[in-house]
């Protein structure tokens, strides 16, 4: 029996996924939630084999929630299920420790198969995003990361991350929407090859003050 936890901020999506998964005798949906902040406590309480999680959610996003699950309940695997196949989200998901990245438009049978494979310990990506990830990895390995230079706004956000501020606090301080801040954070992590906020703080501590002064 494969135990599954469903995480998505849309009730209709959660209902659809639950109805689909429970058509199969070897699956059991052990819980569901709509917020990233609830994922870790629920994962600890239900001990699912696989968390099927949306990336874009209000508050804590799926990538941040994935990092918490991987760090605290390593036996649970995470599959990111999203409508978006953009490079940054794919790479950030992998860096967060997700074992799979599947687009919501994927055929239902393939989705179920993907959950089975991840539960069995396999790592997989939707074919539509595999090439992007491989290209990104090759660029990093070759030292050819094209967007290495941070913009002034990205530097400002990075400094605030290093101070321990949440996305919401950063948004309030620099007068941006929280969603915009989340996008900045993803871009910064991608450009600097960072996996989490602690790594971002360590990066800032190693840089000279001049790095953050506008030339």
N, C-alpha and C. Protein backbone atom coordinates (compact mmCIF):
# COMPACT_ATOMS: atom_id res chain seq x y z
N UNK A 1 0.84 -1.20 0.00
CA UNK A 1 0.00 0.00 0.00
C UNK A 1 0.88 1.25 0.00
N UNK A 2 0.66 2.14 -0.96
CA UNK A 2 1.42 3.39 -1.05
C UNK A 2 0.60 4.51 -0.42
N UNK A 3 1.15 5.09 0.63
CA UNK A 3 0.46 6.13 1.39
C UNK A 3 0.81 7.50 0.80
N UNK A 4 -0.22 8.30 0.49
CA UNK A 4 0.00 9.56 -0.22
C UNK A 4 -0.61 10.73 0.56
N UNK A 5 0.14 11.83 0.62
CA UNK A 5 -0.36 13.09 1.17
C UNK A 5 -0.48 14.08 0.01
N UNK A 6 -1.63 14.74 -0.11
CA UNK A 6 -1.88 15.67 -1.22
C UNK A 6 -1.83 17.11 -0.70
N UNK A 7 -1.05 17.96 -1.38
CA UNK A 7 -0.92 19.36 -0.97
C UNK A 7 -1.18 20.26 -2.17
N UNK A 8 -2.25 21.04 -2.09
CA UNK A 8 -2.58 22.00 -3.15
C UNK A 8 -3.54 23.01 -2.56
N UNK A 9 -3.37 24.28 -2.93
CA UNK A 9 -4.23 25.31 -2.34
C UNK A 9 -5.60 25.38 -3.00
N UNK A 10 -5.84 24.58 -4.03
CA UNK A 10 -7.15 24.55 -4.68
C UNK A 10 -7.90 23.27 -4.29
N UNK A 11 -9.06 23.45 -3.66
CA UNK A 11 -9.84 22.31 -3.17
C UNK A 11 -10.25 21.38 -4.31
N UNK A 12 -10.56 21.95 -5.47
CA UNK A 12 -10.99 21.14 -6.62
C UNK A 12 -9.85 20.22 -7.07
N UNK A 13 -8.63 20.75 -7.08
CA UNK A 13 -7.48 19.93 -7.48
C UNK A 13 -7.25 18.81 -6.47
N UNK A 14 -7.34 19.12 -5.19
CA UNK A 14 -7.16 18.10 -4.16
C UNK A 14 -8.21 16.99 -4.30
N UNK A 15 -9.45 17.41 -4.53
CA UNK A 15 -10.53 16.42 -4.69
C UNK A 15 -10.27 15.53 -5.90
N UNK A 16 -9.85 16.16 -7.02
CA UNK A 16 -9.60 15.39 -8.23
C UNK A 16 -8.46 14.40 -8.05
N UNK A 17 -7.37 14.84 -7.40
CA UNK A 17 -6.24 13.95 -7.17
C UNK A 17 -6.63 12.80 -6.23
N UNK A 18 -7.35 13.13 -5.18
CA UNK A 18 -7.77 12.10 -4.22
C UNK A 18 -8.67 11.07 -4.90
N UNK A 19 -9.63 11.54 -5.71
CA UNK A 19 -10.55 10.64 -6.40
C UNK A 19 -9.79 9.73 -7.37
N UNK A 20 -8.81 10.31 -8.07
CA UNK A 20 -8.01 9.53 -9.01
C UNK A 20 -7.18 8.47 -8.29
N UNK A 21 -6.45 8.89 -7.28
CA UNK A 21 -5.55 7.98 -6.59
C UNK A 21 -6.30 6.84 -5.92
N UNK A 22 -7.45 7.15 -5.37
CA UNK A 22 -8.20 6.12 -4.65
C UNK A 22 -8.92 5.13 -5.56
N UNK A 23 -8.81 5.34 -6.88
CA UNK A 23 -9.31 4.34 -7.83
C UNK A 23 -8.42 3.10 -7.83
N UNK A 24 -7.21 3.25 -7.32
CA UNK A 24 -6.23 2.17 -7.34
C UNK A 24 -6.14 1.51 -5.96
N UNK A 25 -6.23 0.20 -5.94
CA UNK A 25 -6.27 -0.53 -4.67
C UNK A 25 -4.98 -0.44 -3.88
N UNK A 26 -3.87 -0.17 -4.55
CA UNK A 26 -2.59 -0.14 -3.84
C UNK A 26 -2.21 1.25 -3.33
N UNK A 27 -3.18 2.19 -3.38
CA UNK A 27 -2.94 3.54 -2.89
C UNK A 27 -3.88 3.87 -1.73
N UNK A 28 -3.39 4.70 -0.83
CA UNK A 28 -4.21 5.22 0.26
C UNK A 28 -3.86 6.68 0.47
N UNK A 29 -4.84 7.57 0.38
CA UNK A 29 -4.63 8.99 0.66
C UNK A 29 -4.76 9.18 2.17
N UNK A 30 -3.66 9.51 2.83
CA UNK A 30 -3.65 9.59 4.29
C UNK A 30 -3.89 11.00 4.81
N UNK A 31 -3.94 11.98 3.90
CA UNK A 31 -4.19 13.34 4.34
C UNK A 31 -4.10 14.32 3.19
N UNK A 32 -4.56 15.52 3.44
CA UNK A 32 -4.47 16.59 2.44
C UNK A 32 -4.44 17.93 3.16
N UNK A 33 -3.80 18.93 2.54
CA UNK A 33 -3.79 20.26 3.11
C UNK A 33 -3.60 21.28 2.00
N UNK A 34 -3.84 22.55 2.35
CA UNK A 34 -3.83 23.61 1.34
C UNK A 34 -2.69 24.60 1.52
N UNK A 35 -1.93 24.47 2.63
CA UNK A 35 -0.87 25.45 2.91
C UNK A 35 0.46 24.76 3.11
N UNK A 36 1.52 25.41 2.62
CA UNK A 36 2.85 24.87 2.80
C UNK A 36 3.24 24.75 4.26
N UNK A 37 2.75 25.68 5.09
CA UNK A 37 3.08 25.66 6.51
C UNK A 37 2.57 24.41 7.22
N UNK A 38 1.54 23.78 6.65
CA UNK A 38 0.93 22.61 7.29
C UNK A 38 1.57 21.29 6.85
N UNK A 39 2.44 21.34 5.85
CA UNK A 39 2.95 20.10 5.25
C UNK A 39 3.79 19.29 6.23
N UNK A 40 4.77 19.92 6.86
CA UNK A 40 5.66 19.17 7.74
C UNK A 40 4.91 18.56 8.93
N UNK A 41 4.08 19.32 9.66
CA UNK A 41 3.36 18.69 10.77
C UNK A 41 2.47 17.53 10.32
N UNK A 42 1.82 17.69 9.17
CA UNK A 42 0.95 16.62 8.69
C UNK A 42 1.76 15.41 8.21
N UNK A 43 2.91 15.69 7.62
CA UNK A 43 3.79 14.59 7.19
C UNK A 43 4.28 13.80 8.39
N UNK A 44 4.65 14.49 9.44
CA UNK A 44 5.10 13.80 10.65
C UNK A 44 3.98 12.98 11.27
N UNK A 45 2.75 13.50 11.18
CA UNK A 45 1.61 12.82 11.81
C UNK A 45 1.15 11.60 11.01
N UNK A 46 1.22 11.69 9.68
CA UNK A 46 0.65 10.63 8.84
C UNK A 46 1.69 9.70 8.22
N UNK A 47 2.97 10.15 8.17
CA UNK A 47 4.07 9.35 7.60
C UNK A 47 3.74 8.77 6.22
N UNK A 48 3.45 9.62 5.25
CA UNK A 48 3.16 9.11 3.89
C UNK A 48 4.43 8.63 3.21
N UNK A 49 4.26 7.77 2.22
CA UNK A 49 5.40 7.36 1.40
C UNK A 49 5.76 8.47 0.42
N UNK A 50 4.71 9.15 -0.08
CA UNK A 50 4.91 10.20 -1.08
C UNK A 50 4.03 11.41 -0.77
N UNK A 51 4.61 12.59 -0.85
CA UNK A 51 3.84 13.84 -0.81
C UNK A 51 3.73 14.35 -2.23
N UNK A 52 2.51 14.53 -2.71
CA UNK A 52 2.27 15.12 -4.03
C UNK A 52 1.90 16.57 -3.79
N UNK A 53 2.76 17.49 -4.24
CA UNK A 53 2.65 18.87 -3.80
C UNK A 53 2.74 19.89 -4.93
N UNK A 54 1.85 20.87 -4.88
CA UNK A 54 1.90 22.00 -5.80
C UNK A 54 3.07 22.90 -5.43
N UNK A 55 3.63 23.59 -6.40
CA UNK A 55 4.74 24.50 -6.12
C UNK A 55 4.25 25.85 -5.65
N UNK A 56 3.31 26.44 -6.38
CA UNK A 56 2.89 27.81 -6.10
C UNK A 56 1.69 27.81 -5.17
N UNK A 57 1.95 28.21 -3.92
CA UNK A 57 0.90 28.33 -2.91
C UNK A 57 1.12 29.62 -2.14
N UNK A 58 0.07 30.22 -1.58
CA UNK A 58 0.24 31.42 -0.76
C UNK A 58 1.08 31.10 0.46
N UNK A 59 1.82 32.09 0.97
CA UNK A 59 2.65 31.84 2.13
C UNK A 59 3.85 30.99 1.75
N UNK A 60 4.10 29.93 2.52
CA UNK A 60 5.20 29.03 2.21
C UNK A 60 4.89 28.27 0.94
N UNK A 61 5.79 28.33 -0.04
CA UNK A 61 5.54 27.64 -1.30
C UNK A 61 5.96 26.18 -1.22
N UNK A 62 5.69 25.43 -2.27
CA UNK A 62 5.97 24.00 -2.27
C UNK A 62 7.44 23.67 -2.17
N UNK A 63 8.29 24.50 -2.74
CA UNK A 63 9.73 24.24 -2.69
C UNK A 63 10.24 24.36 -1.27
N UNK A 64 9.80 25.39 -0.56
CA UNK A 64 10.20 25.55 0.84
C UNK A 64 9.66 24.41 1.70
N UNK A 65 8.41 24.01 1.44
CA UNK A 65 7.82 22.90 2.19
C UNK A 65 8.54 21.59 1.89
N UNK A 66 8.95 21.41 0.65
CA UNK A 66 9.71 20.24 0.25
C UNK A 66 11.02 20.15 1.03
N UNK A 67 11.71 21.27 1.16
CA UNK A 67 12.97 21.30 1.91
C UNK A 67 12.76 20.84 3.34
N UNK A 68 11.66 21.27 3.96
CA UNK A 68 11.37 20.89 5.34
C UNK A 68 11.12 19.39 5.46
N UNK A 69 10.35 18.84 4.50
CA UNK A 69 10.04 17.41 4.53
C UNK A 69 11.31 16.59 4.36
N UNK A 70 12.11 16.95 3.36
CA UNK A 70 13.34 16.20 3.08
C UNK A 70 14.30 16.24 4.27
N UNK A 71 14.38 17.39 4.94
CA UNK A 71 15.30 17.54 6.07
C UNK A 71 14.82 16.81 7.32
N UNK A 72 13.50 16.73 7.51
CA UNK A 72 12.97 16.21 8.76
C UNK A 72 12.34 14.83 8.67
N UNK A 73 11.86 14.47 7.49
CA UNK A 73 11.25 13.14 7.31
C UNK A 73 11.82 12.54 6.03
N UNK A 74 13.10 12.21 6.02
CA UNK A 74 13.78 11.81 4.78
C UNK A 74 13.24 10.55 4.11
N UNK A 75 12.53 9.72 4.88
CA UNK A 75 11.96 8.51 4.27
C UNK A 75 10.76 8.82 3.38
N UNK A 76 10.18 10.01 3.53
CA UNK A 76 9.06 10.43 2.68
C UNK A 76 9.60 11.10 1.42
N UNK A 77 9.09 10.67 0.27
CA UNK A 77 9.51 11.24 -1.01
C UNK A 77 8.53 12.34 -1.43
N UNK A 78 9.02 13.30 -2.19
CA UNK A 78 8.18 14.42 -2.63
C UNK A 78 8.13 14.47 -4.16
N UNK A 79 6.90 14.59 -4.68
CA UNK A 79 6.69 14.81 -6.11
C UNK A 79 6.07 16.19 -6.26
N UNK A 80 6.70 17.07 -7.04
CA UNK A 80 6.15 18.38 -7.30
C UNK A 80 5.20 18.28 -8.49
N UNK A 81 3.97 18.69 -8.30
CA UNK A 81 2.95 18.64 -9.34
C UNK A 81 2.52 20.08 -9.62
N UNK A 82 2.73 20.54 -10.86
CA UNK A 82 2.50 21.95 -11.14
C UNK A 82 2.04 22.17 -12.57
N UNK A 83 1.48 23.32 -12.80
CA UNK A 83 1.06 23.70 -14.15
C UNK A 83 2.21 24.30 -14.93
N UNK A 84 3.33 24.57 -14.25
CA UNK A 84 4.42 25.31 -14.87
C UNK A 84 5.66 24.44 -15.04
N UNK A 85 6.30 24.57 -16.22
CA UNK A 85 7.52 23.82 -16.49
C UNK A 85 8.71 24.74 -16.68
N UNK A 86 8.71 25.89 -15.98
CA UNK A 86 9.81 26.84 -16.20
C UNK A 86 11.10 26.36 -15.55
N UNK A 87 12.21 26.78 -16.11
CA UNK A 87 13.53 26.31 -15.70
C UNK A 87 13.78 26.51 -14.20
N UNK A 88 13.45 27.70 -13.70
CA UNK A 88 13.77 28.03 -12.32
C UNK A 88 13.04 27.12 -11.35
N UNK A 89 11.75 26.87 -11.60
CA UNK A 89 10.97 26.03 -10.71
C UNK A 89 11.47 24.59 -10.72
N UNK A 90 11.83 24.10 -11.89
CA UNK A 90 12.35 22.74 -12.01
C UNK A 90 13.65 22.60 -11.23
N UNK A 91 14.57 23.51 -11.48
CA UNK A 91 15.87 23.41 -10.83
C UNK A 91 15.74 23.59 -9.32
N UNK A 92 14.93 24.55 -8.89
CA UNK A 92 14.73 24.79 -7.46
C UNK A 92 14.12 23.57 -6.78
N UNK A 93 13.22 22.88 -7.48
CA UNK A 93 12.60 21.67 -6.93
C UNK A 93 13.63 20.58 -6.70
N UNK A 94 14.51 20.40 -7.66
CA UNK A 94 15.56 19.39 -7.54
C UNK A 94 16.50 19.75 -6.40
N UNK A 95 16.88 21.02 -6.31
CA UNK A 95 17.77 21.45 -5.24
C UNK A 95 17.11 21.29 -3.87
N UNK A 96 15.79 21.38 -3.83
CA UNK A 96 15.06 21.21 -2.57
C UNK A 96 14.96 19.75 -2.16
N UNK A 97 15.25 18.84 -3.09
CA UNK A 97 15.22 17.42 -2.76
C UNK A 97 14.04 16.65 -3.30
N UNK A 98 13.25 17.27 -4.19
CA UNK A 98 12.11 16.56 -4.77
C UNK A 98 12.60 15.40 -5.64
N UNK A 99 11.88 14.29 -5.60
CA UNK A 99 12.24 13.10 -6.38
C UNK A 99 11.56 13.09 -7.75
N UNK A 100 10.57 13.97 -7.94
CA UNK A 100 9.88 14.02 -9.21
C UNK A 100 9.28 15.38 -9.45
N UNK A 101 9.10 15.72 -10.72
CA UNK A 101 8.51 17.00 -11.12
C UNK A 101 7.57 16.69 -12.27
N UNK A 102 6.28 16.77 -12.02
CA UNK A 102 5.28 16.34 -13.00
C UNK A 102 4.33 17.50 -13.31
N UNK A 103 4.04 17.69 -14.58
CA UNK A 103 3.09 18.73 -14.98
C UNK A 103 1.66 18.25 -14.78
N UNK A 104 0.76 19.18 -14.39
CA UNK A 104 -0.62 18.80 -14.10
C UNK A 104 -1.36 18.30 -15.34
N UNK A 105 -0.89 18.67 -16.51
CA UNK A 105 -1.55 18.20 -17.73
C UNK A 105 -1.13 16.79 -18.11
N UNK A 106 -0.27 16.17 -17.30
CA UNK A 106 0.17 14.80 -17.56
C UNK A 106 -1.02 13.85 -17.51
N UNK A 107 -1.02 12.85 -18.37
CA UNK A 107 -2.06 11.83 -18.38
C UNK A 107 -2.21 11.20 -16.99
N UNK A 108 -3.45 10.94 -16.55
CA UNK A 108 -3.70 10.46 -15.20
C UNK A 108 -3.00 9.14 -14.91
N UNK A 109 -2.98 8.22 -15.87
CA UNK A 109 -2.30 6.94 -15.68
C UNK A 109 -0.80 7.14 -15.47
N UNK A 110 -0.21 8.09 -16.20
CA UNK A 110 1.22 8.36 -16.06
C UNK A 110 1.52 9.02 -14.73
N UNK A 111 0.57 9.83 -14.25
CA UNK A 111 0.74 10.46 -12.95
C UNK A 111 0.79 9.41 -11.85
N UNK A 112 -0.14 8.47 -11.90
CA UNK A 112 -0.17 7.40 -10.90
C UNK A 112 1.10 6.55 -10.99
N UNK A 113 1.53 6.27 -12.21
CA UNK A 113 2.76 5.50 -12.40
C UNK A 113 3.96 6.25 -11.82
N UNK A 114 3.98 7.56 -12.00
CA UNK A 114 5.07 8.38 -11.47
C UNK A 114 5.12 8.30 -9.95
N UNK A 115 3.97 8.35 -9.30
CA UNK A 115 3.93 8.25 -7.84
C UNK A 115 4.44 6.88 -7.39
N UNK A 116 4.05 5.85 -8.11
CA UNK A 116 4.52 4.50 -7.79
C UNK A 116 6.04 4.41 -7.90
N UNK A 117 6.57 4.97 -8.96
CA UNK A 117 8.01 4.88 -9.20
C UNK A 117 8.80 5.66 -8.14
N UNK A 118 8.29 6.84 -7.77
CA UNK A 118 8.96 7.63 -6.74
C UNK A 118 8.89 6.90 -5.39
N UNK A 119 7.74 6.30 -5.09
CA UNK A 119 7.61 5.52 -3.86
C UNK A 119 8.60 4.37 -3.81
N UNK A 120 8.94 3.84 -4.99
CA UNK A 120 9.90 2.74 -5.09
C UNK A 120 11.35 3.21 -5.05
N UNK A 121 11.54 4.52 -4.97
CA UNK A 121 12.89 5.05 -4.84
C UNK A 121 13.47 5.63 -6.11
N UNK A 122 12.70 5.65 -7.19
CA UNK A 122 13.21 6.22 -8.44
C UNK A 122 13.08 7.74 -8.42
N UNK A 123 13.93 8.40 -9.19
CA UNK A 123 13.86 9.83 -9.38
C UNK A 123 13.45 10.09 -10.82
N UNK A 124 12.47 10.96 -11.03
CA UNK A 124 12.00 11.16 -12.40
C UNK A 124 11.53 12.58 -12.64
N UNK A 125 11.51 12.94 -13.91
CA UNK A 125 11.02 14.23 -14.36
C UNK A 125 10.07 14.02 -15.52
N UNK A 126 9.13 14.93 -15.67
CA UNK A 126 8.30 14.92 -16.86
C UNK A 126 9.20 15.11 -18.08
N UNK A 127 9.01 14.32 -19.15
CA UNK A 127 9.88 14.44 -20.33
C UNK A 127 9.99 15.85 -20.87
N UNK A 128 8.92 16.66 -20.69
CA UNK A 128 8.93 18.02 -21.23
C UNK A 128 9.90 18.95 -20.51
N UNK A 129 10.31 18.57 -19.29
CA UNK A 129 11.21 19.45 -18.55
C UNK A 129 12.60 18.85 -18.36
N UNK A 130 12.77 17.59 -18.75
CA UNK A 130 14.07 16.93 -18.55
C UNK A 130 15.19 17.66 -19.27
N UNK A 131 14.97 18.04 -20.53
CA UNK A 131 16.02 18.69 -21.31
C UNK A 131 16.47 19.99 -20.65
N UNK A 132 15.51 20.76 -20.14
CA UNK A 132 15.85 22.03 -19.50
C UNK A 132 16.76 21.80 -18.29
N UNK A 133 16.43 20.78 -17.50
CA UNK A 133 17.22 20.51 -16.30
C UNK A 133 18.62 20.06 -16.66
N UNK A 134 18.72 19.15 -17.61
CA UNK A 134 20.02 18.65 -18.03
C UNK A 134 20.90 19.79 -18.56
N UNK A 135 20.30 20.68 -19.33
CA UNK A 135 21.04 21.83 -19.86
C UNK A 135 21.53 22.72 -18.74
N UNK A 136 20.65 22.94 -17.75
CA UNK A 136 21.02 23.78 -16.61
C UNK A 136 22.17 23.16 -15.83
N UNK A 137 22.10 21.85 -15.59
CA UNK A 137 23.14 21.16 -14.85
C UNK A 137 24.48 21.23 -15.60
N UNK A 138 24.44 21.06 -16.90
CA UNK A 138 25.67 21.12 -17.70
C UNK A 138 26.30 22.51 -17.63
N UNK A 139 25.47 23.54 -17.68
CA UNK A 139 25.98 24.90 -17.60
C UNK A 139 26.67 25.17 -16.26
N UNK A 140 26.04 24.67 -15.20
CA UNK A 140 26.61 24.86 -13.86
C UNK A 140 27.93 24.11 -13.75
N UNK A 141 27.94 22.85 -14.24
CA UNK A 141 29.15 22.04 -14.18
C UNK A 141 30.30 22.66 -14.97
N UNK A 142 29.94 23.33 -16.07
CA UNK A 142 30.96 23.94 -16.93
C UNK A 142 31.30 25.37 -16.52
N UNK A 143 30.63 25.85 -15.46
CA UNK A 143 30.88 27.22 -15.02
C UNK A 143 30.33 28.25 -15.96
N UNK A 144 29.26 27.89 -16.68
CA UNK A 144 28.70 28.80 -17.69
C UNK A 144 27.33 29.33 -17.29
N UNK A 145 27.07 29.39 -16.02
CA UNK A 145 25.78 29.91 -15.56
C UNK A 145 25.60 31.33 -16.08
N UNK A 146 24.65 31.52 -16.98
CA UNK A 146 24.56 32.78 -17.72
C UNK A 146 24.13 33.96 -16.85
N UNK A 147 23.28 33.73 -15.89
CA UNK A 147 22.73 34.84 -15.13
C UNK A 147 23.37 35.01 -13.77
N UNK A 148 24.68 34.82 -13.65
CA UNK A 148 25.35 34.80 -12.36
C UNK A 148 25.27 36.15 -11.65
N UNK A 149 25.29 37.25 -12.39
CA UNK A 149 25.29 38.57 -11.78
C UNK A 149 23.90 38.92 -11.25
N UNK A 150 23.86 39.34 -10.00
CA UNK A 150 22.59 39.72 -9.40
C UNK A 150 22.26 41.17 -9.74
N UNK A 151 20.98 41.45 -9.92
CA UNK A 151 20.54 42.83 -10.07
C UNK A 151 20.58 43.49 -8.69
N UNK A 152 20.45 44.81 -8.66
CA UNK A 152 20.48 45.52 -7.38
C UNK A 152 19.32 45.08 -6.50
N UNK A 153 18.14 44.86 -7.08
CA UNK A 153 17.00 44.41 -6.29
C UNK A 153 17.24 43.01 -5.74
N UNK A 154 17.85 42.14 -6.55
CA UNK A 154 18.14 40.78 -6.07
C UNK A 154 19.14 40.81 -4.92
N UNK A 155 20.13 41.71 -5.00
CA UNK A 155 21.08 41.86 -3.90
C UNK A 155 20.37 42.30 -2.63
N UNK A 156 19.43 43.23 -2.78
CA UNK A 156 18.68 43.72 -1.63
C UNK A 156 17.87 42.60 -0.99
N UNK A 157 17.21 41.80 -1.83
CA UNK A 157 16.41 40.68 -1.33
C UNK A 157 17.32 39.65 -0.66
N UNK A 158 18.48 39.39 -1.26
CA UNK A 158 19.43 38.43 -0.70
C UNK A 158 19.88 38.85 0.70
N UNK A 159 20.17 40.13 0.87
CA UNK A 159 20.58 40.63 2.18
C UNK A 159 19.47 40.42 3.22
N UNK A 160 18.24 40.65 2.82
CA UNK A 160 17.11 40.48 3.74
C UNK A 160 16.89 39.01 4.08
N UNK A 161 17.11 38.14 3.10
CA UNK A 161 17.05 36.70 3.37
C UNK A 161 18.08 36.33 4.42
N UNK A 162 19.29 36.86 4.25
CA UNK A 162 20.39 36.57 5.17
C UNK A 162 20.09 37.07 6.58
N UNK A 163 19.26 38.11 6.69
CA UNK A 163 18.86 38.62 8.00
C UNK A 163 17.79 37.75 8.66
N UNK A 164 17.33 36.72 7.92
CA UNK A 164 16.35 35.80 8.48
C UNK A 164 14.91 36.20 8.26
N UNK A 165 14.68 37.17 7.39
CA UNK A 165 13.33 37.64 7.14
C UNK A 165 12.57 36.67 6.23
N UNK A 166 11.28 36.53 6.47
CA UNK A 166 10.43 35.71 5.63
C UNK A 166 10.09 36.47 4.35
N UNK A 167 9.52 35.77 3.38
CA UNK A 167 9.10 36.44 2.15
C UNK A 167 8.10 37.55 2.44
N UNK A 168 7.20 37.29 3.37
CA UNK A 168 6.19 38.29 3.72
C UNK A 168 6.84 39.54 4.32
N UNK A 169 7.80 39.34 5.20
CA UNK A 169 8.49 40.46 5.83
C UNK A 169 9.31 41.26 4.80
N UNK A 170 9.93 40.54 3.88
CA UNK A 170 10.70 41.21 2.83
C UNK A 170 9.76 42.04 1.96
N UNK A 171 8.63 41.47 1.61
CA UNK A 171 7.65 42.18 0.77
C UNK A 171 7.20 43.48 1.43
N UNK A 172 6.97 43.42 2.73
CA UNK A 172 6.53 44.61 3.46
C UNK A 172 7.63 45.66 3.53
N UNK A 173 8.86 45.22 3.66
CA UNK A 173 9.98 46.16 3.81
C UNK A 173 10.32 46.88 2.52
N UNK A 174 10.23 46.18 1.39
CA UNK A 174 10.63 46.82 0.12
C UNK A 174 9.42 47.12 -0.77
N UNK A 175 8.23 47.00 -0.19
CA UNK A 175 7.00 47.42 -0.86
C UNK A 175 6.74 46.68 -2.18
N UNK A 176 6.84 45.37 -2.11
CA UNK A 176 6.52 44.51 -3.26
C UNK A 176 5.47 43.49 -2.84
N UNK A 177 4.81 42.89 -3.83
CA UNK A 177 3.88 41.81 -3.54
C UNK A 177 4.68 40.59 -3.08
N UNK A 178 4.10 39.80 -2.19
CA UNK A 178 4.81 38.61 -1.69
C UNK A 178 5.13 37.65 -2.83
N UNK A 179 4.23 37.54 -3.80
CA UNK A 179 4.48 36.68 -4.96
C UNK A 179 5.72 37.14 -5.72
N UNK A 180 5.88 38.45 -5.85
CA UNK A 180 7.06 39.00 -6.55
C UNK A 180 8.33 38.65 -5.80
N UNK A 181 8.27 38.74 -4.48
CA UNK A 181 9.44 38.39 -3.66
C UNK A 181 9.78 36.91 -3.84
N UNK A 182 8.77 36.06 -3.86
CA UNK A 182 9.03 34.62 -4.06
C UNK A 182 9.74 34.38 -5.38
N UNK A 183 9.34 35.12 -6.41
CA UNK A 183 9.99 34.99 -7.71
C UNK A 183 11.46 35.43 -7.63
N UNK A 184 11.71 36.52 -6.90
CA UNK A 184 13.08 36.98 -6.73
C UNK A 184 13.92 35.93 -6.01
N UNK A 185 13.35 35.35 -4.96
CA UNK A 185 14.08 34.34 -4.18
C UNK A 185 14.44 33.14 -5.06
N UNK A 186 13.50 32.69 -5.88
CA UNK A 186 13.77 31.57 -6.78
C UNK A 186 14.90 31.91 -7.76
N UNK A 187 14.87 33.13 -8.31
CA UNK A 187 15.90 33.54 -9.27
C UNK A 187 17.27 33.63 -8.60
N UNK A 188 17.29 34.15 -7.37
CA UNK A 188 18.56 34.26 -6.65
C UNK A 188 19.15 32.89 -6.38
N UNK A 189 18.32 31.97 -5.91
CA UNK A 189 18.79 30.61 -5.61
C UNK A 189 19.32 29.95 -6.87
N UNK A 190 18.63 30.18 -7.99
CA UNK A 190 19.05 29.58 -9.25
C UNK A 190 20.38 30.17 -9.72
N UNK A 191 20.49 31.49 -9.69
CA UNK A 191 21.71 32.15 -10.17
C UNK A 191 22.94 31.76 -9.36
N UNK A 192 22.75 31.63 -8.05
CA UNK A 192 23.89 31.38 -7.17
C UNK A 192 24.05 29.92 -6.79
N UNK A 193 23.18 29.06 -7.36
CA UNK A 193 23.26 27.63 -7.07
C UNK A 193 23.10 27.36 -5.57
N UNK A 194 22.09 27.99 -4.97
CA UNK A 194 21.82 27.84 -3.54
C UNK A 194 20.61 26.93 -3.35
N UNK A 195 20.62 26.15 -2.29
CA UNK A 195 19.54 25.20 -2.07
C UNK A 195 18.50 25.68 -1.06
N UNK A 196 18.88 26.61 -0.17
CA UNK A 196 17.94 27.06 0.85
C UNK A 196 18.39 28.41 1.43
N UNK A 197 17.61 28.91 2.38
CA UNK A 197 17.88 30.24 2.94
C UNK A 197 19.15 30.24 3.80
N UNK A 198 19.44 29.11 4.44
CA UNK A 198 20.67 29.03 5.23
C UNK A 198 21.89 29.16 4.33
N UNK A 199 21.82 28.52 3.16
CA UNK A 199 22.92 28.62 2.20
C UNK A 199 23.05 30.06 1.70
N UNK A 200 21.93 30.74 1.56
CA UNK A 200 21.96 32.14 1.13
C UNK A 200 22.65 33.01 2.18
N UNK A 201 22.35 32.75 3.46
CA UNK A 201 22.97 33.51 4.54
C UNK A 201 24.48 33.26 4.57
N UNK A 202 24.87 32.01 4.34
CA UNK A 202 26.29 31.68 4.32
C UNK A 202 26.99 32.37 3.16
N UNK A 203 26.31 32.46 2.03
CA UNK A 203 26.87 33.12 0.85
C UNK A 203 27.14 34.60 1.15
N UNK A 204 26.16 35.25 1.79
CA UNK A 204 26.31 36.67 2.11
C UNK A 204 27.48 36.88 3.07
N UNK A 205 27.62 35.99 4.06
CA UNK A 205 28.67 36.16 5.06
C UNK A 205 30.07 36.06 4.45
N UNK A 206 30.18 35.37 3.31
CA UNK A 206 31.48 35.20 2.66
C UNK A 206 31.82 36.35 1.71
N UNK A 207 30.81 37.15 1.35
CA UNK A 207 31.03 38.23 0.40
C UNK A 207 31.52 39.51 1.10
N UNK A 208 32.33 40.25 0.40
CA UNK A 208 32.78 41.53 0.94
C UNK A 208 31.65 42.54 0.83
N UNK A 209 31.62 43.55 1.71
CA UNK A 209 30.56 44.56 1.65
C UNK A 209 30.44 45.23 0.28
N UNK A 210 31.55 45.32 -0.43
CA UNK A 210 31.53 45.98 -1.73
C UNK A 210 30.65 45.28 -2.75
N UNK A 211 30.43 43.98 -2.54
CA UNK A 211 29.60 43.23 -3.48
C UNK A 211 28.18 43.78 -3.50
N UNK A 212 27.72 44.34 -2.39
CA UNK A 212 26.36 44.81 -2.28
C UNK A 212 26.21 46.31 -2.47
N UNK A 213 27.31 46.98 -2.79
CA UNK A 213 27.27 48.42 -3.05
C UNK A 213 27.13 48.66 -4.54
N UNK A 214 26.16 49.45 -4.90
CA UNK A 214 25.91 49.75 -6.32
C UNK A 214 27.09 50.51 -6.89
N UNK A 215 27.58 49.99 -8.03
CA UNK A 215 28.74 50.65 -8.65
C UNK A 215 28.29 51.80 -9.55
